[in-house]
C-alpha atoms as a PDB file:
ATOM      1  CA  MET A   1       0.086  -0.029   0.104  1.00  0.00           C
ATOM      2  CA  ARG A   2       2.987   2.472   0.425  1.00  0.00           C
ATOM      3  CA  THR A   3       3.589   2.516  -3.089  1.00  0.00           C
ATOM      4  CA  LEU A   4      -0.043   3.501  -3.708  1.00  0.00           C
ATOM      5  CA  VAL A   5      -1.231   6.116  -1.314  1.00  0.00           C
ATOM      6  CA  ASP A   6      -0.055   8.968   0.319  1.00  0.00           C
ATOM      7  CA  ARG A   7      -1.079   9.879   3.980  1.00  0.00           C
ATOM      8  CA  GLY A   8      -4.464  11.287   4.335  1.00  0.00           C
ATOM      9  CA  ASP A   9      -5.773   9.395   1.020  1.00  0.00           C
ATOM     10  CA  PRO A  10      -9.248   7.335   1.368  1.00  0.00           C
ATOM     11  CA  VAL A  11      -9.121   3.858   0.672  1.00  0.00           C
ATOM     12  CA  LEU A  12     -12.154   2.122   0.109  1.00  0.00           C
ATOM     13  CA  VAL A  13     -12.341  -1.206   1.558  1.00  0.00           C
ATOM     14  CA  GLU A  14     -15.037  -4.212   2.469  1.00  0.00           C
ATOM     15  CA  GLU A  15     -17.301  -3.226   6.048  1.00  0.00           C
ATOM     16  CA  PRO A  16     -16.080  -5.703   7.492  1.00  0.00           C
ATOM     17  CA  THR A  17     -12.396  -6.380   5.790  1.00  0.00           C
ATOM     18  CA  TYR A  18      -9.178  -8.329   7.032  1.00  0.00           C
ATOM     19  CA  THR A  19      -7.564  -6.848  10.350  1.00  0.00           C
ATOM     20  CA  GLY A  20      -4.137  -6.774   8.719  1.00  0.00           C
ATOM     21  CA  VAL A  21      -4.938  -3.948   6.241  1.00  0.00           C
ATOM     22  CA  ILE A  22      -6.705  -2.029   8.438  1.00  0.00           C
ATOM     23  CA  SER A  23      -3.350  -1.750  10.817  1.00  0.00           C
ATOM     24  CA  VAL A  24      -1.138  -1.129   7.498  1.00  0.00           C
ATOM     25  CA  LEU A  25      -3.766   1.615   6.080  1.00  0.00           C
ATOM     26  CA  SER A  26      -3.651   3.283   9.693  1.00  0.00           C
ATOM     27  CA  ALA A  27       0.081   3.068  10.121  1.00  0.00           C
ATOM     28  CA  LEU A  28       0.685   4.679   6.739  1.00  0.00           C
ATOM     29  CA  GLY A  29      -1.867   7.464   7.666  1.00  0.00           C
ATOM     30  CA  ALA A  30      -4.132   6.626   5.129  1.00  0.00           C
ATOM     31  CA  ARG A  31      -8.018   6.796   5.848  1.00  0.00           C
ATOM     32  CA  PRO A  32      -9.896   3.443   5.325  1.00  0.00           C
ATOM     33  CA  VAL A  33     -13.427   3.699   4.165  1.00  0.00           C
ATOM     34  CA  GLY A  34     -16.018   0.717   4.943  1.00  0.00           C
ATOM     35  CA  VAL A  35     -18.571  -0.061   2.145  1.00  0.00           C
ATOM     36  CA  PRO A  36     -21.125  -2.186   3.280  1.00  0.00           C
ATOM     37  CA  VAL A  37     -21.367  -6.112   1.778  1.00  0.00           C
ATOM     38  CA  ASP A  38     -23.965  -8.096   1.578  1.00  0.00           C
ATOM     39  CA  GLU A  39     -24.572 -12.031   0.729  1.00  0.00           C
ATOM     40  CA  GLU A  40     -22.608 -12.028  -2.508  1.00  0.00           C
ATOM     41  CA  GLY A  41     -19.955  -9.343  -1.044  1.00  0.00           C
ATOM     42  CA  LEU A  42     -19.039  -5.753  -1.969  1.00  0.00           C
ATOM     43  CA  ARG A  43     -22.387  -4.042  -2.600  1.00  0.00           C
ATOM     44  CA  PRO A  44     -22.162  -2.148  -6.085  1.00  0.00           C
ATOM     45  CA  ASP A  45     -24.777   0.554  -5.494  1.00  0.00           C
ATOM     46  CA  LEU A  46     -22.844   1.632  -2.138  1.00  0.00           C
ATOM     47  CA  LEU A  47     -19.423   1.285  -4.054  1.00  0.00           C
ATOM     48  CA  ALA A  48     -20.176   3.889  -6.397  1.00  0.00           C
ATOM     49  CA  LEU A  49     -21.961   6.537  -3.646  1.00  0.00           C
ATOM     50  CA  ALA A  50     -18.406   5.880  -2.152  1.00  0.00           C
ATOM     51  CA  MET A  51     -16.530   6.175  -5.180  1.00  0.00           C
ATOM     52  CA  GLU A  52     -18.458   9.704  -5.772  1.00  0.00           C
ATOM     53  CA  ARG A  53     -18.091  11.170  -2.656  1.00  0.00           C
ATOM     54  CA  HIS A  54     -14.297  10.310  -1.924  1.00  0.00           C
ATOM     55  CA  ARG A  55     -12.560   9.938  -5.172  1.00  0.00           C
ATOM     56  CA  PRO A  56     -10.115   6.790  -3.881  1.00  0.00           C
ATOM     57  CA  ARG A  57      -7.108   6.056  -5.871  1.00  0.00           C
ATOM     58  CA  VAL A  58      -7.180   2.424  -4.460  1.00  0.00           C
ATOM     59  CA  LEU A  59     -10.124   0.068  -3.739  1.00  0.00           C
ATOM     60  CA  TYR A  60      -9.020  -3.019  -1.587  1.00  0.00           C
ATOM     61  CA  VAL A  61     -11.376  -5.954  -1.718  1.00  0.00           C
ATOM     62  CA  GLN A  62     -11.297  -9.767  -1.549  1.00  0.00           C
ATOM     63  CA  PRO A  63     -13.972 -11.405  -3.804  1.00  0.00           C
ATOM     64  CA  THR A  64     -13.392 -14.842  -2.711  1.00  0.00           C
ATOM     65  CA  PHE A  65     -14.038 -16.626   0.232  1.00  0.00           C
ATOM     66  CA  HIS A  66     -13.662 -12.871   2.085  1.00  0.00           C
ATOM     67  CA  ASN A  67     -12.098 -12.778   5.462  1.00  0.00           C
ATOM     68  CA  PRO A  68     -13.942 -12.568   7.972  1.00  0.00           C
ATOM     69  CA  THR A  69     -17.274 -13.157   5.981  1.00  0.00           C
ATOM     70  CA  THR A  70     -16.319 -16.011   3.929  1.00  0.00           C
ATOM     71  CA  ARG A  71     -18.498 -14.775   0.994  1.00  0.00           C
ATOM     72  CA  THR A  72     -17.617 -15.132  -2.867  1.00  0.00           C
ATOM     73  CA  MET A  73     -18.910 -13.005  -5.387  1.00  0.00           C
ATOM     74  CA  GLY A  74     -20.194 -14.153  -8.319  1.00  0.00           C
ATOM     75  CA  GLU A  75     -19.149 -13.289 -12.209  1.00  0.00           C
ATOM     76  CA  ALA A  76     -21.727 -10.565 -12.544  1.00  0.00           C
ATOM     77  CA  ARG A  77     -21.014  -9.107  -9.276  1.00  0.00           C
ATOM     78  CA  ARG A  78     -17.112  -9.110  -9.899  1.00  0.00           C
ATOM     79  CA  ARG A  79     -17.905  -7.377 -13.650  1.00  0.00           C
ATOM     80  CA  GLU A  80     -19.883  -4.720 -12.143  1.00  0.00           C
ATOM     81  CA  ILE A  81     -17.331  -3.989  -9.311  1.00  0.00           C
ATOM     82  CA  LEU A  82     -14.579  -3.636 -11.944  1.00  0.00           C
ATOM     83  CA  GLU A  83     -17.131  -1.613 -14.578  1.00  0.00           C
ATOM     84  CA  ILE A  84     -17.737   1.035 -11.653  1.00  0.00           C
ATOM     85  CA  ALA A  85     -13.586   0.698 -10.351  1.00  0.00           C
ATOM     86  CA  SER A  86     -12.701   1.831 -13.984  1.00  0.00           C
ATOM     87  CA  ARG A  87     -15.684   4.606 -14.290  1.00  0.00           C
ATOM     88  CA  PHE A  88     -13.884   6.212 -11.258  1.00  0.00           C
ATOM     89  CA  ARG A  89     -10.422   5.450 -12.612  1.00  0.00           C
ATOM     90  CA  CYS A  90      -9.514   3.468  -9.523  1.00  0.00           C
ATOM     91  CA  LEU A  91      -7.069   0.761  -8.760  1.00  0.00           C
ATOM     92  CA  VAL A  92      -8.334  -2.503  -7.419  1.00  0.00           C
ATOM     93  CA  VAL A  93      -5.970  -4.504  -5.022  1.00  0.00           C
ATOM     94  CA  GLU A  94      -7.326  -7.982  -5.224  1.00  0.00           C
ATOM     95  CA  ASP A  95      -6.602 -10.061  -2.194  1.00  0.00           C
ATOM     96  CA  ASP A  96      -6.915 -13.706  -3.446  1.00  0.00           C
ATOM     97  CA  TRP A  97      -5.314 -15.469  -0.420  1.00  0.00           C
ATOM     98  CA  ALA A  98      -7.694 -18.015   0.020  1.00  0.00           C
ATOM     99  CA  GLY A  99      -8.556 -18.806  -3.836  1.00  0.00           C
ATOM    100  CA  ASP A 100      -7.254 -22.364  -3.772  1.00  0.00           C
ATOM    101  CA  LEU A 101      -9.040 -23.213  -0.493  1.00  0.00           C
ATOM    102  CA  SER A 102     -12.362 -23.966  -2.135  1.00  0.00           C
ATOM    103  CA  PHE A 103     -13.596 -27.530  -0.274  1.00  0.00           C
ATOM    104  CA  ASP A 104     -14.565 -28.919  -3.729  1.00  0.00           C
ATOM    105  CA  GLY A 105     -11.371 -27.239  -5.422  1.00  0.00           C
ATOM    106  CA  SER A 106     -13.669 -25.223  -7.901  1.00  0.00           C
ATOM    107  CA  HIS A 107     -11.722 -22.041  -9.094  1.00  0.00           C
ATOM    108  CA  ARG A 108     -13.185 -18.665  -9.720  1.00  0.00           C
ATOM    109  CA  GLU A 109     -12.505 -16.607 -12.291  1.00  0.00           C
ATOM    110  CA  THR A 110     -10.143 -13.545 -10.676  1.00  0.00           C
ATOM    111  CA  LEU A 111     -10.482  -9.841 -10.918  1.00  0.00           C
ATOM    112  CA  HIS A 112      -7.408  -9.521 -12.186  1.00  0.00           C
ATOM    113  CA  ALA A 113      -8.298 -12.047 -14.899  1.00  0.00           C
ATOM    114  CA  LEU A 114     -11.628 -10.899 -15.746  1.00  0.00           C
ATOM    115  CA  ASP A 115      -9.951  -7.575 -15.922  1.00  0.00           C
ATOM    116  CA  GLY A 116      -6.969  -8.495 -18.351  1.00  0.00           C
ATOM    117  CA  GLY A 117      -4.413  -7.201 -15.760  1.00  0.00           C
ATOM    118  CA  ARG A 118      -5.331  -3.340 -16.921  1.00  0.00           C
ATOM    119  CA  HIS A 119      -6.657  -1.970 -13.315  1.00  0.00           C
ATOM    120  CA  VAL A 120      -5.899  -4.889 -11.130  1.00  0.00           C
ATOM    121  CA  LEU A 121      -3.258  -5.391  -8.784  1.00  0.00           C
ATOM    122  CA  TYR A 122      -3.323  -9.142  -7.446  1.00  0.00           C
ATOM    123  CA  LEU A 123      -2.141 -10.628  -4.457  1.00  0.00           C
ATOM    124  CA  SER A 124      -1.803 -14.268  -2.854  1.00  0.00           C
ATOM    125  CA  THR A 125      -0.035 -15.761  -0.557  1.00  0.00           C
ATOM    126  CA  PHE A 126       1.784 -19.367   0.205  1.00  0.00           C
ATOM    127  CA  SER A 127       1.187 -18.529   4.058  1.00  0.00           C
ATOM    128  CA  LYS A 128      -2.494 -19.608   4.744  1.00  0.00           C
ATOM    129  CA  LYS A 129      -2.370 -22.658   2.057  1.00  0.00           C
ATOM    130  CA  LEU A 130       1.217 -23.718   2.796  1.00  0.00           C
ATOM    131  CA  LEU A 131       2.781 -22.743   5.732  1.00  0.00           C
ATOM    132  CA  PRO A 132       1.777 -19.713   8.113  1.00  0.00           C
ATOM    133  CA  GLY A 133       5.561 -18.878   8.877  1.00  0.00           C
ATOM    134  CA  LEU A 134       7.005 -19.280   5.650  1.00  0.00           C
ATOM    135  CA  ARG A 135       5.669 -15.289   4.276  1.00  0.00           C
ATOM    136  CA  LEU A 136       6.239 -15.550   0.963  1.00  0.00           C
ATOM    137  CA  GLY A 137       3.317 -14.317  -1.858  1.00  0.00           C
ATOM    138  CA  TRP A 138       3.340 -13.084  -4.924  1.00  0.00           C
ATOM    139  CA  VAL A 139       1.911  -9.836  -7.081  1.00  0.00           C
ATOM    140  CA  ALA A 140       0.703  -9.632 -10.497  1.00  0.00           C
ATOM    141  CA  ALA A 141       0.213  -5.926 -11.604  1.00  0.00           C
ATOM    142  CA  PRO A 142       0.797  -3.166 -14.386  1.00  0.00           C
ATOM    143  CA  GLU A 143       4.111  -2.920 -15.443  1.00  0.00           C
ATOM    144  CA  PRO A 144       4.634   0.782 -13.712  1.00  0.00           C
ATOM    145  CA  VAL A 145       3.293  -0.525 -10.504  1.00  0.00           C
ATOM    146  CA  PHE A 146       5.051  -3.246 -10.469  1.00  0.00           C
ATOM    147  CA  ASP A 147       8.316  -1.984 -11.178  1.00  0.00           C
ATOM    148  CA  ARG A 148       7.799   0.578  -8.204  1.00  0.00           C
ATOM    149  CA  LEU A 149       6.829  -2.381  -5.917  1.00  0.00           C
ATOM    150  CA  VAL A 150       9.989  -4.331  -6.731  1.00  0.00           C
ATOM    151  CA  ALA A 151      12.115  -1.069  -5.970  1.00  0.00           C
ATOM    152  CA  LEU A 152      10.295  -0.710  -2.551  1.00  0.00           C
ATOM    153  CA  LYS A 153      10.740  -4.561  -1.632  1.00  0.00           C
ATOM    154  CA  GLN A 154      14.634  -4.242  -2.541  1.00  0.00           C
ATOM    155  CA  ILE A 155      14.400  -1.041  -0.068  1.00  0.00           C
ATOM    156  CA  GLU A 156      12.135  -2.875   2.681  1.00  0.00           C
ATOM    157  CA  ASP A 157      14.325  -6.170   2.995  1.00  0.00           C
ATOM    158  CA  CYS A 158      16.869  -6.503   0.193  1.00  0.00           C
ATOM    159  CA  GLY A 159      14.037  -9.414  -0.912  1.00  0.00           C
ATOM    160  CA  SER A 160      13.139 -12.660   0.230  1.00  0.00           C
ATOM    161  CA  SER A 161      15.576 -15.371   0.648  1.00  0.00           C
ATOM    162  CA  PRO A 162      16.407 -16.952  -2.571  1.00  0.00           C
ATOM    163  CA  LEU A 163      16.913 -20.635  -0.693  1.00  0.00           C
ATOM    164  CA  VAL A 164      13.073 -20.671   0.544  1.00  0.00           C
ATOM    165  CA  GLN A 165      12.310 -19.272  -2.789  1.00  0.00           C
ATOM    166  CA  ALA A 166      14.195 -21.991  -4.900  1.00  0.00           C
ATOM    167  CA  ALA A 167      12.924 -24.686  -2.265  1.00  0.00           C
ATOM    168  CA  LEU A 168       9.378 -23.449  -2.894  1.00  0.00           C
ATOM    169  CA  HIS A 169       9.725 -23.563  -6.277  1.00  0.00           C
ATOM    170  CA  VAL A 170      11.201 -27.217  -6.669  1.00  0.00           C
ATOM    171  CA  PHE A 171       7.807 -28.379  -3.967  1.00  0.00           C
ATOM    172  CA  ILE A 172       5.659 -26.897  -6.213  1.00  0.00           C
ATOM    173  CA  GLU A 173       6.997 -28.274  -9.471  1.00  0.00           C
ATOM    174  CA  SER A 174       7.250 -31.639  -7.789  1.00  0.00           C
ATOM    175  CA  GLY A 175       3.324 -31.534  -7.231  1.00  0.00           C
ATOM    176  CA  GLY A 176       3.970 -31.276  -3.391  1.00  0.00           C
ATOM    177  CA  GLN A 177       1.694 -28.318  -3.281  1.00  0.00           C
ATOM    178  CA  ALA A 178      -1.168 -30.011  -5.253  1.00  0.00           C
ATOM    179  CA  GLU A 179      -0.685 -33.076  -2.881  1.00  0.00           C
ATOM    180  CA  HIS A 180      -1.090 -30.772   0.131  1.00  0.00           C
ATOM    181  CA  LEU A 181      -3.981 -29.067  -0.900  1.00  0.00           C
ATOM    182  CA  ASP A 182      -5.558 -32.145  -1.309  1.00  0.00           C
ATOM    183  CA  ARG A 183      -5.073 -33.228   1.974  1.00  0.00           C
ATOM    184  CA  VAL A 184      -5.751 -29.722   3.778  1.00  0.00           C
ATOM    185  CA  ARG A 185      -9.186 -28.990   1.706  1.00  0.00           C
ATOM    186  CA  ALA A 186     -10.397 -32.788   2.596  1.00  0.00           C
ATOM    187  CA  ALA A 187      -9.536 -31.560   6.412  1.00  0.00           C
ATOM    188  CA  TYR A 188     -10.967 -28.178   6.308  1.00  0.00           C
ATOM    189  CA  ARG A 189     -14.398 -29.246   4.801  1.00  0.00           C
ATOM    190  CA  SER A 190     -14.546 -31.870   7.608  1.00  0.00           C
ATOM    191  CA  ARG A 191     -14.081 -29.412  10.293  1.00  0.00           C
ATOM    192  CA  ALA A 192     -15.897 -26.822   8.382  1.00  0.00           C
ATOM    193  CA  GLU A 193     -19.114 -29.796   8.449  1.00  0.00           C
ATOM    194  CA  ALA A 194     -18.532 -30.043  12.577  1.00  0.00           C
ATOM    195  CA  MET A 195     -18.716 -26.462  13.529  1.00  0.00           C
ATOM    196  CA  ASP A 196     -21.984 -25.940  11.003  1.00  0.00           C
ATOM    197  CA  ALA A 197     -23.451 -29.130  12.837  1.00  0.00           C
ATOM    198  CA  ALA A 198     -22.013 -27.770  16.690  1.00  0.00           C
ATOM    199  CA  LEU A 199     -23.526 -24.063  16.031  1.00  0.00           C
ATOM    200  CA  ARG A 200     -26.909 -25.649  15.093  1.00  0.00           C
ATOM    201  CA  ARG A 201     -26.764 -27.763  18.441  1.00  0.00           C
ATOM    202  CA  HIS A 202     -25.491 -25.075  20.817  1.00  0.00           C
ATOM    203  CA  PHE A 203     -26.129 -21.257  19.298  1.00  0.00           C
ATOM    204  CA  PRO A 204     -29.331 -19.611  19.689  1.00  0.00           C
ATOM    205  CA  ASP A 205     -32.424 -19.508  17.164  1.00  0.00           C
ATOM    206  CA  GLU A 206     -31.538 -16.034  16.677  1.00  0.00           C
ATOM    207  CA  ALA A 207     -27.717 -16.453  15.735  1.00  0.00           C
ATOM    208  CA  ARG A 208     -27.145 -16.344  11.847  1.00  0.00           C
ATOM    209  CA  TRP A 209     -24.302 -17.674   9.919  1.00  0.00           C
ATOM    210  CA  THR A 210     -23.139 -19.224   6.499  1.00  0.00           C
ATOM    211  CA  PRO A 211     -21.596 -22.902   6.056  1.00  0.00           C
ATOM    212  CA  ALA A 212     -18.369 -22.157   4.811  1.00  0.00           C
ATOM    213  CA  THR A 213     -17.599 -23.377   1.724  1.00  0.00           C
ATOM    214  CA  GLY A 214     -13.511 -22.924   1.638  1.00  0.00           C
ATOM    215  CA  GLY A 215     -11.197 -20.561   3.376  1.00  0.00           C
ATOM    216  CA  LEU A 216     -10.488 -21.060   7.222  1.00  0.00           C
ATOM    217  CA  PHE A 217     -13.428 -19.767   9.395  1.00  0.00           C
ATOM    218  CA  THR A 218     -16.981 -19.104   9.864  1.00  0.00           C
ATOM    219  CA  TRP A 219     -18.616 -15.624  10.427  1.00  0.00           C
ATOM    220  CA  VAL A 220     -21.758 -15.198  12.890  1.00  0.00           C
ATOM    221  CA  VAL A 221     -23.757 -12.597  13.294  1.00  0.00           C
ATOM    222  CA  LEU A 222     -25.535 -12.354  17.116  1.00  0.00           C
ATOM    223  CA  PRO A 223     -28.832 -10.806  18.085  1.00  0.00           C
ATOM    224  CA  GLU A 224     -28.064  -6.822  18.291  1.00  0.00           C
ATOM    225  CA  ALA A 225     -28.313  -7.109  22.428  1.00  0.00           C
ATOM    226  CA  ILE A 226     -25.190  -9.263  22.848  1.00  0.00           C
ATOM    227  CA  ASP A 227     -21.563  -7.597  22.844  1.00  0.00           C
ATOM    228  CA  GLY A 228     -19.146  -9.960  21.179  1.00  0.00           C
ATOM    229  CA  ASP A 229     -16.033  -7.960  22.794  1.00  0.00           C
ATOM    230  CA  GLU A 230     -17.539  -9.269  26.242  1.00  0.00           C
ATOM    231  CA  LEU A 231     -18.247 -12.401  25.161  1.00  0.00           C
ATOM    232  CA  PHE A 232     -14.844 -12.681  23.735  1.00  0.00           C
ATOM    233  CA  GLY A 233     -13.210 -11.914  27.929  1.00  0.00           C
ATOM    234  CA  ALA A 234     -15.641 -14.575  29.106  1.00  0.00           C
ATOM    235  CA  ALA A 235     -15.132 -17.159  26.433  1.00  0.00           C
ATOM    236  CA  LYS A 236     -11.567 -16.657  27.241  1.00  0.00           C
ATOM    237  CA  GLU A 237     -11.908 -17.332  30.521  1.00  0.00           C
ATOM    238  CA  ARG A 238     -13.466 -20.757  29.860  1.00  0.00           C
ATOM    239  CA  GLY A 239     -10.555 -21.589  27.751  1.00  0.00           C
ATOM    240  CA  VAL A 240     -12.120 -20.564  24.116  1.00  0.00           C
ATOM    241  CA  LEU A 241     -10.748 -17.882  21.433  1.00  0.00           C
ATOM    242  CA  VAL A 242     -12.984 -16.458  19.443  1.00  0.00           C
ATOM    243  CA  GLY A 243     -12.294 -13.481  16.880  1.00  0.00           C
ATOM    244  CA  ARG A 244     -14.256 -10.201  18.145  1.00  0.00           C
ATOM    245  CA  GLY A 245     -16.083  -8.980  15.036  1.00  0.00           C
ATOM    246  CA  SER A 246     -15.384  -5.295  15.849  1.00  0.00           C
ATOM    247  CA  LEU A 247     -12.196  -5.673  14.791  1.00  0.00           C
ATOM    248  CA  PHE A 248     -12.792  -6.321  11.131  1.00  0.00           C
ATOM    249  CA  HIS A 249     -14.928  -3.072  11.201  1.00  0.00           C
ATOM    250  CA  VAL A 250     -13.345   0.351  10.304  1.00  0.00           C
ATOM    251  CA  SER A 251     -16.957   2.302  11.112  1.00  0.00           C
ATOM    252  CA  GLY A 252     -16.737   0.730  14.802  1.00  0.00           C
ATOM    253  CA  SER A 253     -19.704  -1.306  14.556  1.00  0.00           C
ATOM    254  CA  GLY A 254     -19.997  -5.008  14.694  1.00  0.00           C
ATOM    255  CA  ARG A 255     -19.890  -5.767  18.296  1.00  0.00           C
ATOM    256  CA  ASN A 256     -22.713  -8.397  17.797  1.00  0.00           C
ATOM    257  CA  THR A 257     -20.382 -10.607  14.994  1.00  0.00           C
ATOM    258  CA  LEU A 258     -17.687 -12.859  15.430  1.00  0.00           C
ATOM    259  CA  ARG A 259     -15.139 -14.944  13.640  1.00  0.00           C
ATOM    260  CA  LEU A 260     -15.028 -18.485  14.143  1.00  0.00           C
ATOM    261  CA  THR A 261     -11.639 -19.948  12.844  1.00  0.00           C
ATOM    262  CA  PHE A 262     -11.602 -23.991  12.088  1.00  0.00           C
ATOM    263  CA  SER A 263      -8.593 -24.761  10.438  1.00  0.00           C
ATOM    264  CA  SER A 264      -6.526 -25.420  13.431  1.00  0.00           C
ATOM    265  CA  ALA A 265      -8.304 -27.140  15.849  1.00  0.00           C
ATOM    266  CA  THR A 266      -9.635 -30.904  16.048  1.00  0.00           C
ATOM    267  CA  GLU A 267     -13.183 -31.921  15.507  1.00  0.00           C
ATOM    268  CA  ASP A 268     -13.340 -32.573  19.530  1.00  0.00           C
ATOM    269  CA  GLN A 269     -12.206 -28.954  19.994  1.00  0.00           C
ATOM    270  CA  ILE A 270     -14.927 -27.264  17.707  1.00  0.00           C
ATOM    271  CA  GLU A 271     -17.399 -29.328  19.615  1.00  0.00           C
ATOM    272  CA  ARG A 272     -16.146 -27.937  22.937  1.00  0.00           C
ATOM    273  CA  GLY A 273     -15.836 -24.528  22.200  1.00  0.00           C
ATOM    274  CA  ILE A 274     -19.027 -23.902  20.196  1.00  0.00           C
ATOM    275  CA  ARG A 275     -20.681 -25.787  23.369  1.00  0.00           C
ATOM    276  CA  ILE A 276     -19.310 -23.392  26.184  1.00  0.00           C
ATOM    277  CA  VAL A 277     -19.802 -20.106  23.740  1.00  0.00           C
ATOM    278  CA  GLY A 278     -23.516 -21.754  22.933  1.00  0.00           C
ATOM    279  CA  GLU A 279     -23.440 -21.375  27.036  1.00  0.00           C
ATOM    280  CA  LEU A 280     -22.692 -18.443  27.163  1.00  0.00           C
ATOM    281  CA  LEU A 281     -24.943 -17.095  24.761  1.00  0.00           C
ATOM    282  CA  ARG A 282     -27.712 -18.422  26.445  1.00  0.00           C
ATOM    283  CA  GLU A 283     -26.736 -16.901  29.602  1.00  0.00           C
ATOM    284  CA  ARG A 284     -26.702 -13.552  27.927  1.00  0.00           C
ATOM    285  CA  GLY A 285     -30.046 -13.823  26.024  1.00  0.00           C
ATOM    286  CA  ALA A 286     -31.830 -15.005  29.296  1.00  0.00           C
ATOM    287  CA  LYS A 287     -30.545 -11.886  31.330  1.00  0.00           C
ATOM    288  CA  SER A 288     -31.164  -9.705  28.298  1.00  0.00           C
ATOM    289  CA  ARG A 289     -34.881 -10.896  28.449  1.00  0.00           C
ATOM    290  CA  ALA A 290     -35.267 -10.588  32.080  1.00  0.00           C
ATOM    291  CA  ARG A 291     -34.221  -6.702  31.640  1.00  0.00           C
ATOM    292  CA  GLU A 292     -36.971  -6.525  28.872  1.00  0.00           C
ATOM    293  CA  ARG A 293     -39.836  -8.088  31.303  1.00  0.00           C
ATOM    294  CA  SER A 294     -38.416  -5.308  34.013  1.00  0.00           C
ATOM    295  CA  ARG A 295     -38.865  -2.787  32.031  1.00  0.00           C
ATOM    296  CA  ASP A 296     -42.311  -3.691  30.610  1.00  0.00           C
ATOM    297  CA  LEU A 297     -43.643  -3.987  34.454  1.00  0.00           C
ATOM    298  CA  GLU A 298     -42.171  -0.680  35.056  1.00  0.00           C
ATOM    299  CA  ALA A 299     -43.935   0.658  31.771  1.00  0.00           C
ATOM    300  CA  VAL A 300     -47.296  -0.352  33.557  1.00  0.00           C
ATOM    301  CA  PRO A 301     -49.651   2.042  34.544  1.00  0.00           C
ATOM    302  CA  PHE A 302     -51.091   1.934  38.421  1.00  0.00           C
ATOM    303  CA  LEU A 303     -54.896   3.275  38.451  1.00  0.00           C
END
């Protein structure tokens, strides 16, 4: 992002969005502007309004297995987003961190491919699909942008380890990555199904989520009365870590949302963790209903 924006520049992001990009933009002094999403991702109508109002140079978007909502854009939506960005001469930064983690092995056409690489800077990484500590990724960008990125990379850390890159190249060429992805897709699909089943058993009926079809987590929307930040502390005391939804929002909203990661947990751990969080939710739901009944009684007139 340092190559693309200056201090004070508005950068459009999905609302909610990846916490890492919020941190990077804040550190650079840029101004992230959240554009709400629906069940298929970034809303084109609100994107056009945000473009008109803020005139940004950059739009950051995750069209496939969006972090944190896990939603995936259809092709028609992708083309609409590209048309709007092109109309306002806005560069699109496409973060395709999980495109290879579709549980059925299917692939969506990237924004970069649909656009022909003219106005889209494409990012991906090996960290999420291979080794978290690898910290290697790649970029496809228009040539002037690519040249600036290479220069900045050389200044920042003198380049990533050639030895690690060479080893990764051999691993990919030998078919090791393809075999690895087949194994992890099957494992993640099983854990995602275990989480969905546990959510159905233990969470209150008012909670809403979409079963994951790829990626590493499930996004849950709770009743408005539930404070996810407070719930995080209570769950942590009982040995369960959940992702606070408020951290993924630039507007300060989302306190009634959670990101639940299944990738690194066993199915038994998923069942136990969801059961504990479900118990905490029901306790808070019961207290909320009791407060509402108390207010109702206070409002009854005495004649």
